Amino acid sequence: MGHKKPSETTRSYLENAPLPNHGKTYTVVTHKEVIDNTLKLLKKSGFTVQREIYRANMNAQIAQGIYHIYPSRSDDENIINETEMGMMFAWTNSYNKLAKFQCAIGAYVRVCYNGMIAGDMMNFKRKHTGTANLDCHMNISDQVKNAEKYYKRILKDRDAMKCVELTQREQAELVGRMFVQEELIDSQQTSIIKAELEKPSFHYGTDPDNCWTFYNHVTHALKKAHPRYWLSDSQNFHDFIVAECLSTTVHGKVMNEKTKVSSETEVEVVEVDEDITDTQLIENVFLDSDW
């Protein structure tokens, strides 16, 4: 980690950043085409973009886009009536070969804008070679197509966390393991989490000794992650918490009735729409693009 702190920037800055020239085998996936394709596909799929956030390192060599979105056409009451969390789409792109293109549907906590991304949802990373442009467009389309299914899975994970108690000691042990063993957080983020445990910046609707509260202390600290790492760090942290706190045991102990996750909120694998073929995805992309 140890990178210069990235800064929030504008869409115009990313769109006008100088393009790289790495030779014939390198396919430039421009920040502009990622932004344009994302906004176009979200609109086509019935999503209203409520907020756009862009971050980048020096000269926009690595850039990140985060969109807070609302499914205007949804008829799912759980999604319509959800007030604590909103839906999010995020991507990371680079011009310096240090990061592959990545994108994912996730969620954000409205009170603080903390992000939440489950690991098995972010399964696409693409090097900038060959047909990278088309592949990236296709996978943005695929993520957006399954957005509501991913989002509902995240809401279930949140509800499950609210059923799990974590003592101060257990939280401290988890922070130590994330820093020393798992290398999920750096020293700056560890300090932020420690400060949040002592004096939280936000109230998340749960007690201090609750897994959901602890989760948000960590995702608050992850906001300091470099754009190159934020998506994968968020994913890896989510997987870590699911494994440690939402399984049948917590720190090797069988959960008692007070911390047991009910069958209604058990973690489940999200079933994405696998009926769509690569050919259909390509057709969908070309039907709504200027390619």
Protein backbone atom coordinates (compact mmCIF):
# COMPACT_ATOMS: atom_id res chain seq x y z
CA MET A 1 0.00 0.00 0.00
CA GLY A 2 1.80 3.23 0.98
CA HIS A 3 0.70 5.31 -1.98
CA LYS A 4 0.15 9.04 -2.16
CA LYS A 5 -3.37 9.84 -1.09
CA PRO A 6 -5.69 9.85 -4.13
CA SER A 7 -8.00 12.77 -4.61
CA GLU A 8 -11.60 13.18 -5.68
CA THR A 9 -11.78 14.69 -9.13
CA THR A 10 -14.18 15.47 -11.95
CA ARG A 11 -15.52 13.54 -14.90
CA SER A 12 -13.99 16.13 -17.25
CA TYR A 13 -10.53 15.63 -15.74
CA LEU A 14 -10.66 11.88 -16.36
CA GLU A 15 -12.05 12.24 -19.86
CA ASN A 16 -9.27 14.64 -20.86
CA ALA A 17 -6.36 12.79 -19.26
CA PRO A 18 -3.49 12.03 -21.71
CA LEU A 19 -3.79 8.56 -23.24
CA PRO A 20 -0.97 6.02 -22.86
CA ASN A 21 1.19 4.61 -25.63
CA HIS A 22 2.49 1.20 -24.57
CA GLY A 23 2.88 -0.39 -27.97
CA LYS A 24 0.78 -2.44 -30.37
CA THR A 25 -0.18 -5.17 -27.93
CA TYR A 26 -1.71 -2.71 -25.45
CA THR A 27 -5.39 -1.90 -25.94
CA VAL A 28 -6.31 1.48 -24.50
CA VAL A 29 -9.58 1.37 -22.58
CA THR A 30 -10.18 5.06 -22.06
CA HIS A 31 -11.74 6.50 -18.92
CA LYS A 32 -14.17 8.35 -21.19
CA GLU A 33 -15.50 5.23 -22.88
CA VAL A 34 -15.88 3.49 -19.52
CA ILE A 35 -17.86 6.46 -18.19
CA ASP A 36 -19.98 6.76 -21.33
CA ASN A 37 -20.70 3.04 -21.54
CA THR A 38 -21.55 2.81 -17.84
CA LEU A 39 -23.98 5.73 -17.89
CA LYS A 40 -25.58 4.53 -21.14
CA LEU A 41 -26.08 0.96 -19.91
CA LEU A 42 -27.42 2.11 -16.54
CA LYS A 43 -29.95 4.37 -18.24
CA LYS A 44 -31.01 1.65 -20.70
CA SER A 45 -31.58 -0.76 -17.81
CA GLY A 46 -33.82 1.68 -15.94
CA PHE A 47 -31.37 3.02 -13.35
CA THR A 48 -31.34 6.62 -12.23
CA VAL A 49 -27.86 7.90 -11.37
CA GLN A 50 -28.20 9.92 -8.17
CA ARG A 51 -24.54 10.69 -7.54
CA GLU A 52 -21.29 10.38 -9.49
CA ILE A 53 -17.95 10.17 -7.66
CA TYR A 54 -14.60 10.11 -9.45
CA ARG A 55 -11.19 9.58 -7.88
CA ALA A 56 -7.74 9.37 -9.41
CA ASN A 57 -4.05 9.38 -8.64
CA MET A 58 -1.59 11.80 -10.23
CA ASN A 59 -2.31 12.41 -13.94
CA ALA A 60 -5.28 10.03 -13.74
CA GLN A 61 -3.07 7.04 -14.50
CA ILE A 62 -5.40 5.04 -12.25
CA ALA A 63 -9.01 6.17 -12.03
CA GLN A 64 -12.16 5.10 -10.26
CA GLY A 65 -15.82 5.82 -10.82
CA ILE A 66 -18.55 5.25 -8.25
CA TYR A 67 -22.23 5.70 -9.06
CA HIS A 68 -25.06 5.76 -6.55
CA ILE A 69 -28.00 4.43 -8.50
CA TYR A 70 -31.69 3.72 -8.05
CA PRO A 71 -33.63 1.05 -10.01
CA SER A 72 -36.55 3.16 -11.24
CA ARG A 73 -38.31 0.20 -12.87
CA SER A 74 -38.00 -2.22 -9.96
CA ASP A 75 -41.16 -3.91 -8.66
CA ASP A 76 -39.37 -5.62 -5.76
CA GLU A 77 -40.81 -4.29 -2.50
CA ASN A 78 -37.64 -5.07 -0.54
CA ILE A 79 -35.67 -2.81 -2.86
CA ILE A 80 -38.34 -0.11 -3.11
CA ASN A 81 -38.76 0.10 0.68
CA GLU A 82 -35.03 -0.02 1.53
CA THR A 83 -33.97 3.21 3.22
CA GLU A 84 -30.68 2.41 4.95
CA MET A 85 -28.68 1.36 1.91
CA GLY A 86 -28.60 2.36 -1.72
CA MET A 87 -27.35 0.55 -4.81
CA MET A 88 -23.91 1.30 -6.22
CA PHE A 89 -21.91 0.55 -9.36
CA ALA A 90 -18.13 1.04 -9.37
CA TRP A 91 -15.23 0.60 -11.76
CA THR A 92 -11.45 0.94 -11.77
CA ASN A 93 -9.36 1.59 -14.87
CA SER A 94 -5.69 2.34 -15.52
CA TYR A 95 -3.32 3.77 -18.12
CA ASN A 96 -0.06 2.61 -16.50
CA LYS A 97 -0.43 -1.21 -16.56
CA LEU A 98 -0.60 -1.35 -12.75
CA ALA A 99 -4.28 -2.25 -12.57
CA LYS A 100 -6.65 -4.29 -14.72
CA PHE A 101 -10.08 -2.98 -15.54
CA GLN A 102 -12.56 -4.02 -12.83
CA CYS A 103 -16.24 -3.35 -12.24
CA ALA A 104 -18.86 -4.43 -9.74
CA ILE A 105 -22.35 -3.82 -8.44
CA GLY A 106 -22.43 -3.10 -4.73
CA ALA A 107 -24.22 -1.00 -2.14
CA TYR A 108 -23.50 2.06 -0.04
CA VAL A 109 -24.67 3.14 3.41
CA ARG A 110 -26.62 6.36 3.01
CA VAL A 111 -25.57 7.97 6.29
CA CYS A 112 -21.85 7.83 5.48
CA TYR A 113 -21.39 6.58 1.88
CA ASN A 114 -19.44 3.53 3.04
CA GLY A 115 -19.21 0.95 0.25
CA MET A 116 -20.11 -2.74 0.38
CA ILE A 117 -19.09 -5.29 -2.26
CA ALA A 118 -19.38 -9.06 -1.92
CA GLY A 119 -16.48 -11.07 -3.29
CA ASP A 120 -18.34 -13.42 -5.60
CA MET A 121 -19.92 -10.45 -7.35
CA MET A 122 -16.68 -8.91 -8.58
CA ASN A 123 -15.46 -11.69 -10.82
CA PHE A 124 -14.26 -9.70 -13.82
CA LYS A 125 -10.78 -8.28 -14.29
CA ARG A 126 -9.41 -7.61 -17.75
CA LYS A 127 -5.92 -6.83 -19.00
CA HIS A 128 -5.64 -4.08 -21.61
CA THR A 129 -4.94 -6.39 -24.55
CA GLY A 130 -6.80 -7.71 -27.57
CA THR A 131 -10.55 -7.09 -27.44
CA ALA A 132 -10.39 -5.46 -24.01
CA ASN A 133 -12.74 -2.64 -25.05
CA LEU A 134 -15.54 -4.99 -26.07
CA ASP A 135 -14.97 -7.34 -23.13
CA CYS A 136 -15.15 -4.47 -20.63
CA HIS A 137 -18.35 -3.19 -22.23
CA MET A 138 -19.87 -6.67 -22.11
CA ASN A 139 -19.05 -7.14 -18.45
CA ILE A 140 -20.41 -3.75 -17.44
CA SER A 141 -23.60 -4.87 -19.19
CA ASP A 142 -23.57 -8.21 -17.37
CA GLN A 143 -23.09 -6.58 -13.96
CA VAL A 144 -25.90 -4.10 -14.58
CA LYS A 145 -28.18 -6.87 -15.87
CA ASN A 146 -27.85 -8.74 -12.55
CA ALA A 147 -27.78 -5.63 -10.36
CA GLU A 148 -30.93 -6.31 -8.34
CA LYS A 149 -29.90 -9.89 -7.56
CA TYR A 150 -26.48 -8.74 -6.34
CA TYR A 151 -28.01 -5.92 -4.32
CA LYS A 152 -30.52 -8.20 -2.56
CA ARG A 153 -27.69 -10.55 -1.63
CA ILE A 154 -25.85 -7.62 -0.02
CA LEU A 155 -28.96 -6.63 1.94
CA LYS A 156 -29.17 -10.19 3.28
CA ASP A 157 -25.52 -10.05 4.36
CA ARG A 158 -26.21 -6.78 6.16
CA ASP A 159 -29.22 -8.26 7.96
CA ALA A 160 -27.14 -11.27 8.97
CA MET A 161 -24.40 -9.05 10.43
CA LYS A 162 -26.95 -7.25 12.57
CA CYS A 163 -27.68 -10.59 14.25
CA VAL A 164 -24.06 -11.15 15.31
CA GLU A 165 -22.48 -9.70 18.45
CA LEU A 166 -18.77 -8.90 18.59
CA THR A 167 -17.15 -7.92 21.86
CA GLN A 168 -14.53 -5.18 21.95
CA ARG A 169 -11.86 -7.82 22.33
CA GLU A 170 -13.14 -9.78 19.31
CA GLN A 171 -13.20 -6.60 17.24
CA ALA A 172 -9.64 -5.77 18.28
CA GLU A 173 -8.51 -9.29 17.37
CA LEU A 174 -10.12 -9.00 13.94
CA VAL A 175 -8.40 -5.66 13.31
CA GLY A 176 -5.07 -7.16 14.32
CA ARG A 177 -5.50 -10.12 12.02
CA MET A 178 -6.58 -7.93 9.11
CA PHE A 179 -3.46 -5.81 9.55
CA VAL A 180 -0.81 -8.42 10.42
CA GLN A 181 -1.95 -11.70 8.90
CA GLU A 182 -4.35 -10.89 6.08
CA GLU A 183 -2.85 -7.52 5.04
CA LEU A 184 -6.33 -6.21 4.29
CA ILE A 185 -5.66 -2.82 5.86
CA ASP A 186 -2.61 -0.60 6.26
CA SER A 187 -1.35 1.33 9.29
CA GLN A 188 -3.32 4.48 8.42
CA GLN A 189 -6.55 2.51 8.08
CA THR A 190 -5.82 0.65 11.32
CA SER A 191 -5.52 4.00 13.10
CA ILE A 192 -8.81 5.16 11.59
CA ILE A 193 -10.59 2.00 12.74
CA LYS A 194 -9.16 2.42 16.26
CA ALA A 195 -10.44 6.01 16.35
CA GLU A 196 -13.87 4.91 15.11
CA LEU A 197 -14.08 2.20 17.77
CA GLU A 198 -13.39 4.81 20.44
CA LYS A 199 -15.54 7.60 18.99
CA PRO A 200 -17.64 6.70 15.93
CA SER A 201 -18.17 9.35 13.27
CA PHE A 202 -21.59 7.94 12.40
CA HIS A 203 -24.38 5.93 13.99
CA TYR A 204 -25.29 2.81 12.03
CA GLY A 205 -28.45 1.86 13.91
CA THR A 206 -26.77 -0.94 15.89
CA ASP A 207 -24.89 -1.19 19.18
CA PRO A 208 -21.10 -0.81 19.40
CA ASP A 209 -20.78 -4.55 20.08
CA ASN A 210 -22.39 -5.48 16.79
CA CYS A 211 -20.89 -6.91 13.61
CA TRP A 212 -22.66 -4.38 11.38
CA THR A 213 -21.23 -1.47 13.36
CA PHE A 214 -17.76 -2.97 13.18
CA TYR A 215 -18.14 -3.62 9.44
CA ASN A 216 -18.86 0.06 8.88
CA HIS A 217 -15.88 1.19 10.94
CA VAL A 218 -13.69 -0.79 8.56
CA THR A 219 -15.39 0.30 5.33
CA HIS A 220 -15.14 3.90 6.56
CA ALA A 221 -11.37 3.39 6.83
CA LEU A 222 -11.25 1.73 3.40
CA LYS A 223 -12.32 5.02 1.86
CA LYS A 224 -8.63 5.92 2.21
CA ALA A 225 -7.64 3.04 -0.07
CA HIS A 226 -5.92 3.90 -3.34
CA PRO A 227 -8.26 3.61 -6.39
CA ARG A 228 -6.11 0.72 -7.55
CA TYR A 229 -7.04 -1.30 -4.47
CA TRP A 230 -10.42 -0.06 -3.25
CA LEU A 231 -12.62 -2.55 -5.12
CA SER A 232 -10.51 -5.59 -4.28
CA ASP A 233 -9.93 -4.42 -0.68
CA SER A 234 -13.68 -4.01 -0.19
CA GLN A 235 -14.32 -7.41 -1.72
CA ASN A 236 -11.65 -9.17 0.35
CA PHE A 237 -12.82 -7.55 3.57
CA HIS A 238 -16.41 -8.61 2.91
CA ASP A 239 -15.30 -12.19 2.28
CA PHE A 240 -13.25 -12.09 5.48
CA ILE A 241 -16.22 -10.98 7.59
CA VAL A 242 -18.53 -13.52 6.00
CA ALA A 243 -16.06 -16.31 6.76
CA GLU A 244 -15.33 -15.14 10.30
CA CYS A 245 -18.70 -13.92 11.52
CA LEU A 246 -21.50 -15.25 9.34
CA SER A 247 -20.52 -18.90 9.35
CA THR A 248 -21.68 -21.40 11.96
CA THR A 249 -18.97 -20.33 14.37
CA VAL A 250 -17.45 -17.10 15.56
CA HIS A 251 -13.75 -17.36 16.43
CA GLY A 252 -14.04 -21.12 16.82
CA LYS A 253 -17.09 -20.95 19.10
CA VAL A 254 -20.51 -22.26 18.15
CA MET A 255 -22.87 -19.31 18.11
CA ASN A 256 -25.37 -19.19 20.93
CA GLU A 257 -29.02 -18.21 20.45
CA LYS A 258 -28.16 -14.54 20.99
CA THR A 259 -25.77 -14.39 18.05
CA LYS A 260 -27.13 -17.12 15.82
CA VAL A 261 -28.07 -15.99 12.33
CA SER A 262 -31.63 -16.96 11.51
CA SER A 263 -32.39 -19.16 8.51
CA GLU A 264 -34.06 -16.18 6.83
CA THR A 265 -30.79 -14.24 6.80
CA GLU A 266 -28.33 -17.03 6.09
CA VAL A 267 -25.65 -16.16 3.60
CA GLU A 268 -26.43 -17.66 0.22
CA VAL A 269 -24.72 -17.74 -3.12
CA VAL A 270 -26.35 -15.26 -5.48
CA GLU A 271 -27.82 -16.87 -8.59
CA VAL A 272 -26.94 -14.67 -11.52
CA ASP A 273 -28.64 -14.90 -14.87
CA GLU A 274 -26.50 -17.44 -16.67
CA ASP A 275 -28.97 -17.98 -19.51
CA ILE A 276 -27.48 -15.12 -21.45
CA THR A 277 -24.76 -16.29 -23.83
CA ASP A 278 -21.67 -14.42 -24.96
CA THR A 279 -23.34 -13.94 -28.34
CA GLN A 280 -26.42 -12.39 -26.71
CA LEU A 281 -24.26 -10.11 -24.61
CA ILE A 282 -22.40 -8.91 -27.70
CA GLU A 283 -25.73 -8.31 -29.45
CA ASN A 284 -27.00 -6.32 -26.45
CA VAL A 285 -23.87 -4.22 -26.45
CA PHE A 286 -24.03 -3.42 -30.15
CA LEU A 287 -27.77 -2.74 -30.14
CA ASP A 288 -27.26 0.11 -27.67
CA SER A 289 -23.87 1.47 -28.59
CA ASP A 290 -22.20 3.71 -31.09
CA TRP A 291 -19.57 1.12 -31.97
